[in-house]
Amino acid sequence: MEYLAAWMFLALTILLMVGFPVTFTLLGTSLCFGLIGFGWSFFNLLPLRIWGVMTNVTLIAVPLFVFMGVMLERSGLAEELLDTMGLLFGRLRGGLAVSVVVVGALLGASTGIVGATVVTMGLLAVPTMLRRGYQRELATGTVAASGTLGQIIPPSIVLVLIGDIVGVSVGDLFMGAVLPGMLLVSLYVLYILIIAWLRPEWAPAIPKAELAAISLKQLTVRMAKALFPPLFLMVAVLGSIFAGIASPTEAASVGAVGATLLTIASRKFSLQTLQEVMQTTVRLTCMVFIILCGAAAFGLVFRGLNGDGLVREFLGAMAHRYSHNMVLAIVMALIFVIGFFLDFIEITFIHVPVLAPIMIEFGFDPVWFCILIAVNLQTSFMTPPFGFSLFYLKAVTPPEISTGDIYRGIIPFVIVQIIGLGIVVLFPQLATWLPKVVFGR
């Protein structure tokens, strides 16, 4: 009975890796071990825990941000952005890939939904890059990595969930994620430019004759039109939070209205579009919240069986034997490895509630640690065999692109991601400076 929590965690991990649905696995494991540990009185505690989840005001931001992202996908923003940025950076070797990274960052700051970004850019950018003579691995790796930037660049649903679970202000996390997000964008661009310089045949520039067909004035007008929608949403959502006008939940509603106005302005709005967006939003929100209820039940049983005490003793023994920084390295490595097999939502709801309070007890800054988790979780989208970004991309790429091409293409970007994580670890000010300057904490 003393190690019942450990057996529970092991059972959950095995069932998830075997392929059982996340929700049923969480709830089923919790009910079985709850009955073993507490008896029938467990069912007196469970409804209160789930009710606390469903009445959490912060989580209202989740369906609103999902609505914003799905609605913006229908506005045709990504297509116009890619065309314009391709012309802007086309004179450089690797310029088309650089434009994909920039568009991925702008879409991430506008939507925050990885699936929509990867699918849209996969449909538009990969065929264009292949036609321009880009190496397959570089083309697919750039799109897959750029599409995941919405996980760290605010407004990010992951940051909303982590902030609620750990008990950190979502506004602080949004502000703290700005510089690490820009760091990753810069590292991606730097890698592409270095590769294009070392291997010019992998990333050729657009011919000058083709670029000469568009005047500087025409390019400036197109840039203004393409950049206005994402900048409008960024100012509306993040500006209202950073200026102290709105909470993150209220800013999410501003974003939802703003995305709808942009879709109307682009003449892509209709009642059928609205219905499809609302149906997609309800499906995704229900998925998140049913998993959240299962995670709440799991957390109730795990803590009731003294599971967090076991983890605290284990990490405390390691900290006593080595150092707190070594414990941090092991925790980050654990989350990275788990990301090969589990989705970011599962890691957020299962592992973060156990690990985060203990690491904060060790003296690590909560905002910095949450940003580290978010950057680390971003790699779970890109690592095989269960990287969802890779699945999305394979579904929309041309037939000549194999799964091996996508897997090989993503390896350098995963390494770049780890380098970015290491820089944020070495320089915590990247995550803590802006919240202190803006909010004074």
Protein backbone atom coordinates (compact mmCIF):
# COMPACT_ATOMS: atom_id res chain seq x y z
CA MET A 1 0.00 0.00 0.00
CA GLU A 2 2.91 2.35 0.65
CA TYR A 3 3.89 2.29 -3.03
CA LEU A 4 0.37 2.08 -4.45
CA ALA A 5 0.77 5.52 -6.09
CA ALA A 6 3.89 4.31 -7.92
CA TRP A 7 2.02 1.22 -9.20
CA MET A 8 -0.81 3.50 -10.29
CA PHE A 9 1.56 5.73 -12.26
CA LEU A 10 3.21 2.69 -13.85
CA ALA A 11 -0.17 1.23 -14.85
CA LEU A 12 -1.21 4.54 -16.41
CA THR A 13 2.02 4.84 -18.41
CA ILE A 14 1.80 1.26 -19.75
CA LEU A 15 -1.85 1.63 -20.76
CA LEU A 16 -1.15 4.92 -22.56
CA MET A 17 1.81 3.46 -24.44
CA VAL A 18 -0.24 0.42 -25.43
CA GLY A 19 -2.68 2.83 -27.09
CA PHE A 20 -5.72 3.11 -24.83
CA PRO A 21 -7.60 6.45 -25.10
CA VAL A 22 -6.24 9.06 -22.71
CA THR A 23 -9.55 9.98 -21.08
CA PHE A 24 -10.68 6.43 -20.33
CA THR A 25 -7.21 5.49 -19.12
CA LEU A 26 -7.02 8.42 -16.71
CA LEU A 27 -10.52 7.93 -15.31
CA GLY A 28 -10.36 4.12 -15.26
CA THR A 29 -6.98 4.02 -13.50
CA SER A 30 -8.15 6.65 -11.00
CA LEU A 31 -11.38 4.79 -10.19
CA CYS A 32 -9.66 1.41 -9.75
CA PHE A 33 -6.83 2.64 -7.54
CA GLY A 34 -9.16 5.07 -5.74
CA LEU A 35 -11.39 2.16 -4.71
CA ILE A 36 -8.36 0.15 -3.59
CA GLY A 37 -6.90 3.03 -1.59
CA PHE A 38 -9.98 4.78 -0.18
CA GLY A 39 -12.91 2.43 -0.63
CA TRP A 40 -16.35 3.71 -1.67
CA SER A 41 -15.82 7.03 0.15
CA PHE A 42 -13.66 8.03 -2.82
CA PHE A 43 -16.85 8.83 -4.76
CA ASN A 44 -17.75 11.48 -2.18
CA LEU A 45 -14.57 13.42 -3.03
CA LEU A 46 -14.52 13.07 -6.82
CA PRO A 47 -17.54 15.27 -7.76
CA LEU A 48 -16.15 18.22 -5.79
CA ARG A 49 -12.81 17.98 -7.59
CA ILE A 50 -14.45 17.84 -11.05
CA TRP A 51 -16.81 20.68 -10.14
CA GLY A 52 -13.79 22.79 -9.22
CA VAL A 53 -12.35 22.20 -12.70
CA MET A 54 -15.56 23.06 -14.54
CA THR A 55 -16.10 26.31 -12.60
CA ASN A 56 -12.53 27.58 -13.12
CA VAL A 57 -12.82 31.01 -14.75
CA THR A 58 -9.27 30.95 -16.16
CA LEU A 59 -10.06 27.94 -18.34
CA ILE A 60 -12.76 29.89 -20.20
CA ALA A 61 -9.85 31.22 -22.26
CA VAL A 62 -9.34 27.76 -23.82
CA PRO A 63 -12.51 27.60 -26.00
CA LEU A 64 -12.14 31.28 -26.89
CA PHE A 65 -8.55 30.88 -28.11
CA VAL A 66 -9.56 27.72 -30.01
CA PHE A 67 -12.42 29.63 -31.67
CA MET A 68 -10.00 32.44 -32.58
CA GLY A 69 -7.53 30.03 -34.18
CA VAL A 70 -10.08 28.03 -36.17
CA MET A 71 -11.85 31.17 -37.39
CA LEU A 72 -8.56 32.75 -38.44
CA GLU A 73 -7.67 29.61 -40.39
CA ARG A 74 -10.74 30.22 -42.57
CA SER A 75 -9.77 33.82 -43.32
CA GLY A 76 -7.01 32.92 -45.82
CA LEU A 77 -4.41 34.76 -43.76
CA ALA A 78 -1.69 32.10 -44.08
CA GLU A 79 -1.79 31.93 -47.87
CA GLU A 80 -1.34 35.69 -48.32
CA LEU A 81 1.39 35.79 -45.65
CA LEU A 82 3.40 33.00 -47.28
CA ASP A 83 3.23 34.53 -50.75
CA THR A 84 4.29 37.97 -49.51
CA MET A 85 7.07 36.79 -47.21
CA GLY A 86 8.38 34.50 -49.95
CA LEU A 87 8.79 37.53 -52.21
CA LEU A 88 10.36 39.57 -49.41
CA PHE A 89 13.04 37.01 -48.46
CA GLY A 90 13.30 35.36 -51.89
CA ARG A 91 16.55 37.13 -52.78
CA LEU A 92 18.38 35.18 -50.05
CA ARG A 93 19.54 31.58 -50.29
CA GLY A 94 17.12 29.79 -48.02
CA GLY A 95 14.88 32.86 -48.10
CA LEU A 96 11.74 30.84 -48.78
CA ALA A 97 12.44 28.67 -45.71
CA VAL A 98 13.09 31.82 -43.64
CA SER A 99 9.72 33.17 -44.77
CA VAL A 100 8.06 29.93 -43.61
CA VAL A 101 9.60 30.39 -40.14
CA VAL A 102 8.43 34.02 -39.97
CA VAL A 103 4.91 33.06 -41.09
CA GLY A 104 4.86 30.22 -38.55
CA ALA A 105 5.75 32.70 -35.80
CA LEU A 106 3.09 35.18 -36.92
CA LEU A 107 0.44 32.47 -37.18
CA GLY A 108 1.51 31.14 -33.78
CA ALA A 109 1.01 34.61 -32.29
CA SER A 110 -2.37 34.82 -34.03
CA THR A 111 -3.88 31.36 -33.57
CA GLY A 112 -1.87 29.18 -31.18
CA ILE A 113 -3.21 25.99 -32.83
CA VAL A 114 -0.42 23.74 -34.11
CA GLY A 115 -2.56 21.43 -36.26
CA ALA A 116 -4.12 24.27 -38.24
CA THR A 117 -0.75 25.99 -38.80
CA VAL A 118 1.12 22.85 -39.90
CA VAL A 119 -1.65 21.69 -42.25
CA THR A 120 -2.05 25.12 -43.83
CA MET A 121 1.68 25.66 -44.37
CA GLY A 122 2.15 22.04 -45.45
CA LEU A 123 -0.43 22.48 -48.20
CA LEU A 124 0.96 25.82 -49.37
CA ALA A 125 4.69 25.89 -48.62
CA VAL A 126 6.01 22.35 -49.15
CA PRO A 127 4.99 22.05 -52.85
CA THR A 128 6.37 25.55 -53.52
CA MET A 129 9.70 24.78 -51.81
CA LEU A 130 10.07 21.50 -53.70
CA ARG A 131 9.30 23.25 -56.99
CA ARG A 132 12.02 25.80 -56.18
CA GLY A 133 14.58 23.01 -55.75
CA TYR A 134 14.69 22.75 -51.94
CA GLN A 135 15.93 19.53 -50.38
CA ARG A 136 12.97 17.44 -49.16
CA GLU A 137 14.24 17.09 -45.59
CA LEU A 138 14.88 20.83 -45.24
CA ALA A 139 11.47 21.74 -46.65
CA THR A 140 9.48 19.34 -44.45
CA GLY A 141 11.57 19.99 -41.33
CA THR A 142 11.14 23.76 -41.66
CA VAL A 143 7.35 23.51 -41.99
CA ALA A 144 6.96 20.99 -39.13
CA ALA A 145 9.15 23.02 -36.75
CA SER A 146 7.67 26.41 -37.67
CA GLY A 147 4.14 25.10 -37.19
CA THR A 148 4.86 24.25 -33.55
CA LEU A 149 5.92 27.79 -32.61
CA GLY A 150 2.33 28.47 -31.52
CA GLN A 151 3.02 26.27 -28.49
CA ILE A 152 5.39 28.82 -26.96
CA ILE A 153 4.61 32.16 -28.64
CA PRO A 154 1.64 33.73 -26.82
CA PRO A 155 -1.31 33.50 -26.84
CA SER A 156 -0.65 29.79 -26.27
CA ILE A 157 -3.23 27.33 -24.96
CA VAL A 158 -0.40 25.34 -23.36
CA LEU A 159 0.59 28.38 -21.27
CA VAL A 160 -3.03 28.86 -20.18
CA LEU A 161 -3.24 25.23 -19.01
CA ILE A 162 0.19 25.21 -17.32
CA GLY A 163 -0.52 28.52 -15.59
CA ASP A 164 -3.80 27.19 -14.19
CA ILE A 165 -2.26 23.90 -13.03
CA VAL A 166 0.81 25.44 -11.39
CA GLY A 167 -1.01 28.50 -10.04
CA VAL A 168 1.02 31.10 -11.94
CA SER A 169 -0.51 34.19 -13.58
CA VAL A 170 -1.23 33.49 -17.25
CA GLY A 171 -0.34 37.13 -18.02
CA ASP A 172 3.12 36.58 -16.50
CA LEU A 173 3.59 33.44 -18.59
CA PHE A 174 2.49 35.19 -21.79
CA MET A 175 4.96 37.99 -21.13
CA GLY A 176 7.70 35.57 -20.06
CA ALA A 177 7.31 33.50 -23.25
CA VAL A 178 7.90 36.41 -25.64
CA LEU A 179 11.72 36.41 -25.55
CA PRO A 180 12.14 32.58 -25.53
CA GLY A 181 9.74 32.41 -28.49
CA MET A 182 11.76 35.03 -30.39
CA LEU A 183 14.94 33.13 -29.46
CA LEU A 184 13.62 29.95 -31.09
CA VAL A 185 12.59 31.85 -34.22
CA SER A 186 16.08 33.38 -34.42
CA LEU A 187 17.78 29.99 -33.95
CA TYR A 188 15.62 28.41 -36.69
CA VAL A 189 16.46 31.25 -39.10
CA LEU A 190 20.16 31.08 -38.21
CA TYR A 191 20.24 27.32 -38.86
CA ILE A 192 18.54 27.74 -42.24
CA LEU A 193 20.93 30.51 -43.33
CA ILE A 194 23.98 28.45 -42.27
CA ILE A 195 22.72 25.38 -44.15
CA ALA A 196 21.94 27.49 -47.23
CA TRP A 197 25.47 28.90 -47.10
CA LEU A 198 27.12 25.49 -46.66
CA ARG A 199 24.82 23.66 -49.11
CA PRO A 200 23.54 26.20 -51.67
CA GLU A 201 21.88 23.48 -53.74
CA TRP A 202 19.61 22.58 -50.80
CA ALA A 203 18.01 26.04 -50.58
CA PRO A 204 18.36 28.11 -53.77
CA ALA A 205 17.24 31.72 -54.04
CA ILE A 206 14.31 32.79 -56.24
CA PRO A 207 15.59 33.94 -59.69
CA LYS A 208 16.11 37.69 -59.92
CA ALA A 209 14.11 37.91 -63.14
CA GLU A 210 11.04 36.61 -61.35
CA LEU A 211 11.45 39.03 -58.45
CA ALA A 212 11.97 41.96 -60.85
CA ALA A 213 8.41 41.54 -62.12
CA ILE A 214 7.12 43.07 -58.85
CA SER A 215 7.98 46.67 -58.07
CA LEU A 216 9.02 47.88 -54.64
CA LYS A 217 5.76 49.81 -54.29
CA GLN A 218 3.66 46.73 -55.07
CA LEU A 219 5.68 44.65 -52.60
CA THR A 220 5.24 47.30 -49.89
CA VAL A 221 1.46 47.39 -50.42
CA ARG A 222 1.24 43.58 -50.30
CA MET A 223 3.34 43.46 -47.14
CA ALA A 224 1.12 46.01 -45.44
CA LYS A 225 -2.02 44.06 -46.33
CA ALA A 226 -0.52 40.68 -45.31
CA LEU A 227 0.98 41.87 -42.02
CA PHE A 228 -2.02 43.89 -40.81
CA PRO A 229 -4.27 40.95 -39.76
CA PRO A 230 -1.77 39.11 -37.50
CA LEU A 231 -0.44 42.36 -36.05
CA PHE A 232 -4.01 43.52 -35.40
CA LEU A 233 -4.75 40.34 -33.45
CA MET A 234 -1.44 40.45 -31.55
CA VAL A 235 -2.11 44.04 -30.46
CA ALA A 236 -5.73 43.26 -29.61
CA VAL A 237 -4.97 40.15 -27.53
CA LEU A 238 -1.50 40.64 -26.07
CA GLY A 239 -1.69 44.44 -25.96
CA SER A 240 -4.87 44.37 -23.88
CA ILE A 241 -3.18 41.98 -21.41
CA PHE A 242 0.16 43.76 -21.20
CA ALA A 243 -1.52 47.18 -20.84
CA GLY A 244 -3.56 45.87 -17.93
CA ILE A 245 -6.86 46.55 -19.72
CA ALA A 246 -8.01 42.91 -19.80
CA SER A 247 -7.25 39.62 -18.10
CA PRO A 248 -6.10 36.71 -20.30
CA THR A 249 -9.64 35.32 -20.28
CA GLU A 250 -11.13 38.65 -21.36
CA ALA A 251 -8.39 39.10 -23.97
CA ALA A 252 -9.30 35.69 -25.42
CA SER A 253 -12.80 37.00 -26.13
CA VAL A 254 -11.24 40.06 -27.78
CA GLY A 255 -9.22 37.69 -29.98
CA ALA A 256 -12.29 35.66 -30.91
CA VAL A 257 -14.16 38.81 -31.99
CA GLY A 258 -11.06 40.12 -33.79
CA ALA A 259 -10.62 36.87 -35.78
CA THR A 260 -14.29 37.01 -36.78
CA LEU A 261 -13.92 40.64 -37.96
CA LEU A 262 -10.84 39.70 -40.03
CA THR A 263 -12.72 36.82 -41.64
CA ILE A 264 -15.58 39.21 -42.49
CA ALA A 265 -13.07 41.71 -43.91
CA SER A 266 -11.53 39.02 -46.12
CA ARG A 267 -15.04 38.10 -47.39
CA LYS A 268 -14.67 34.50 -46.23
CA PHE A 269 -17.40 34.72 -43.57
CA SER A 270 -20.75 32.95 -43.87
CA LEU A 271 -23.24 31.27 -41.56
CA GLN A 272 -21.93 27.89 -42.71
CA THR A 273 -18.37 28.94 -41.84
CA LEU A 274 -19.53 30.12 -38.42
CA GLN A 275 -21.31 26.81 -37.82
CA GLU A 276 -18.24 24.78 -38.84
CA VAL A 277 -15.95 26.88 -36.64
CA MET A 278 -18.27 26.51 -33.64
CA GLN A 279 -18.56 22.73 -34.14
CA THR A 280 -14.77 22.36 -34.33
CA THR A 281 -14.37 24.57 -31.25
CA VAL A 282 -16.85 22.47 -29.26
CA ARG A 283 -15.12 19.21 -30.24
CA LEU A 284 -11.64 20.44 -29.31
CA THR A 285 -12.85 22.06 -26.09
CA CYS A 286 -14.70 18.91 -25.02
CA MET A 287 -11.56 16.87 -25.67
CA VAL A 288 -9.45 19.20 -23.50
CA PHE A 289 -11.97 19.38 -20.65
CA ILE A 290 -12.77 15.65 -20.47
CA ILE A 291 -9.01 14.97 -20.27
CA LEU A 292 -8.77 17.70 -17.63
CA CYS A 293 -11.51 16.00 -15.57
CA GLY A 294 -9.66 12.69 -15.85
CA ALA A 295 -6.42 14.39 -14.81
CA ALA A 296 -8.20 15.97 -11.83
CA ALA A 297 -9.41 12.52 -10.72
CA PHE A 298 -5.92 11.10 -11.23
CA GLY A 299 -4.36 13.93 -9.22
CA LEU A 300 -6.87 13.42 -6.39
CA VAL A 301 -6.02 9.73 -6.06
CA PHE A 302 -2.28 10.19 -6.62
CA ARG A 303 -2.00 12.79 -3.88
CA GLY A 304 -4.33 10.86 -1.59
CA LEU A 305 -2.03 7.84 -1.91
CA ASN A 306 0.96 10.09 -1.03
CA GLY A 307 2.32 9.92 -4.57
CA ASP A 308 3.62 13.48 -4.46
CA GLY A 309 5.41 12.55 -1.22
CA LEU A 310 7.16 9.66 -2.97
CA VAL A 311 8.25 11.91 -5.82
CA ARG A 312 9.40 14.60 -3.37
CA GLU A 313 11.47 12.06 -1.42
CA PHE A 314 13.02 10.72 -4.63
CA LEU A 315 13.90 14.17 -6.03
CA GLY A 316 14.99 15.36 -2.58
CA ALA A 317 17.40 12.43 -2.28
CA MET A 318 18.79 13.26 -5.72
CA ALA A 319 19.14 16.94 -4.80
CA HIS A 320 20.96 15.96 -1.59
CA ARG A 321 23.28 13.65 -3.49
CA TYR A 322 23.91 15.89 -6.51
CA SER A 323 22.50 19.45 -6.78
CA HIS A 324 19.25 21.24 -7.57
CA ASN A 325 20.54 22.03 -11.05
CA MET A 326 21.19 18.36 -11.70
CA VAL A 327 17.62 17.57 -10.58
CA LEU A 328 16.36 20.22 -13.02
CA ALA A 329 18.38 18.62 -15.83
CA ILE A 330 16.93 15.18 -15.01
CA VAL A 331 13.36 16.54 -14.88
CA MET A 332 13.79 18.30 -18.24
CA ALA A 333 15.30 15.13 -19.75
CA LEU A 334 12.38 13.10 -18.37
CA ILE A 335 9.80 15.44 -19.95
CA PHE A 336 11.74 15.38 -23.24
CA VAL A 337 11.82 11.55 -23.35
CA ILE A 338 8.15 11.24 -22.36
CA GLY A 339 7.36 13.59 -25.26
CA PHE A 340 8.42 10.84 -27.67
CA PHE A 341 5.43 8.77 -26.56
CA LEU A 342 2.79 11.07 -25.03
CA ASP A 343 0.93 14.13 -26.25
CA PHE A 344 1.60 17.55 -24.71
CA ILE A 345 -1.88 17.58 -23.10
CA GLU A 346 -1.22 14.27 -21.35
CA ILE A 347 2.17 15.48 -20.07
CA THR A 348 0.66 18.80 -18.95
CA PHE A 349 -2.17 17.18 -17.00
CA ILE A 350 -0.31 14.13 -15.63
CA HIS A 351 3.33 15.06 -15.00
CA VAL A 352 3.35 18.84 -14.51
CA PRO A 353 1.04 18.82 -11.40
CA VAL A 354 3.42 16.34 -9.76
CA LEU A 355 6.77 17.87 -10.73
CA ALA A 356 6.13 21.63 -10.73
CA PRO A 357 5.29 22.17 -7.02
CA ILE A 358 8.34 20.17 -5.94
CA MET A 359 10.69 22.07 -8.25
CA ILE A 360 9.28 25.39 -7.02
CA GLU A 361 9.91 24.19 -3.44
CA PHE A 362 13.56 23.71 -4.45
CA GLY A 363 13.73 27.46 -5.12
CA PHE A 364 13.27 27.66 -8.89
CA ASP A 365 11.34 30.67 -10.20
CA PRO A 366 7.78 29.48 -11.08
CA VAL A 367 7.47 31.59 -14.26
CA TRP A 368 10.89 30.47 -15.51
CA PHE A 369 10.18 26.80 -14.75
CA CYS A 370 6.78 26.96 -16.50
CA ILE A 371 8.41 28.51 -19.59
CA LEU A 372 11.04 25.73 -19.57
CA ILE A 373 8.24 23.16 -19.51
CA ALA A 374 6.46 24.90 -22.39
CA VAL A 375 9.63 25.02 -24.54
CA ASN A 376 10.30 21.37 -23.72
CA LEU A 377 6.73 20.33 -24.51
CA GLN A 378 7.04 21.94 -27.93
CA THR A 379 9.47 19.18 -28.91
CA SER A 380 6.78 16.54 -28.18
CA PHE A 381 5.09 17.69 -31.41
CA MET A 382 8.26 17.04 -33.42
CA THR A 383 9.69 13.80 -32.02
CA PRO A 384 8.79 10.42 -33.56
CA PRO A 385 7.06 8.04 -33.24
CA PHE A 386 4.10 10.08 -31.91
CA GLY A 387 4.92 13.64 -33.03
CA PHE A 388 1.56 15.07 -34.05
CA SER A 389 3.17 17.79 -36.18
CA LEU A 390 4.74 15.01 -38.27
CA PHE A 391 1.38 13.25 -38.64
CA TYR A 392 -0.34 16.45 -39.75
CA LEU A 393 2.41 17.17 -42.27
CA LYS A 394 2.49 13.66 -43.77
CA ALA A 395 -1.28 13.87 -44.37
CA VAL A 396 -0.98 16.93 -46.63
CA THR A 397 2.42 16.63 -48.34
CA PRO A 398 2.84 15.42 -51.96
CA PRO A 399 3.08 11.62 -52.48
CA GLU A 400 6.82 11.73 -53.20
CA ILE A 401 7.50 12.87 -49.62
CA SER A 402 8.07 9.79 -47.44
CA THR A 403 7.74 9.47 -43.68
CA GLY A 404 11.53 8.99 -43.57
CA ASP A 405 12.03 12.36 -45.28
CA ILE A 406 9.94 14.07 -42.58
CA TYR A 407 11.67 12.23 -39.71
CA ARG A 408 15.15 13.02 -41.05
CA GLY A 409 14.17 16.64 -41.70
CA ILE A 410 13.00 17.28 -38.16
CA ILE A 411 16.18 16.02 -36.40
CA PRO A 412 18.23 19.25 -36.86
CA PHE A 413 15.31 21.36 -35.61
CA VAL A 414 14.91 19.19 -32.51
CA ILE A 415 18.62 19.75 -31.80
CA VAL A 416 18.12 23.50 -32.31
CA GLN A 417 15.15 23.31 -29.92
CA ILE A 418 17.34 21.64 -27.26
CA ILE A 419 19.97 24.36 -27.73
CA GLY A 420 17.25 26.99 -27.22
CA LEU A 421 16.07 25.22 -24.07
CA GLY A 422 19.65 25.17 -22.79
CA ILE A 423 20.01 28.93 -23.40
CA VAL A 424 16.83 29.65 -21.42
CA VAL A 425 18.15 27.41 -18.62
CA LEU A 426 21.48 29.27 -18.52
CA PHE A 427 19.85 32.71 -18.77
CA PRO A 428 16.62 32.72 -16.70
CA GLN A 429 16.28 36.47 -17.34
CA LEU A 430 14.96 35.61 -20.82
CA ALA A 431 11.77 34.38 -19.12
CA THR A 432 11.65 36.59 -16.02
CA TRP A 433 12.84 40.03 -17.20
CA LEU A 434 9.73 41.15 -19.14
CA PRO A 435 7.18 40.15 -16.44
CA LYS A 436 9.24 42.07 -13.86
CA VAL A 437 9.52 45.15 -16.07
CA VAL A 438 5.88 45.21 -17.18
CA PHE A 439 4.03 43.88 -14.13
CA GLY A 440 6.61 44.66 -11.44
CA ARG A 441 6.78 41.08 -10.14
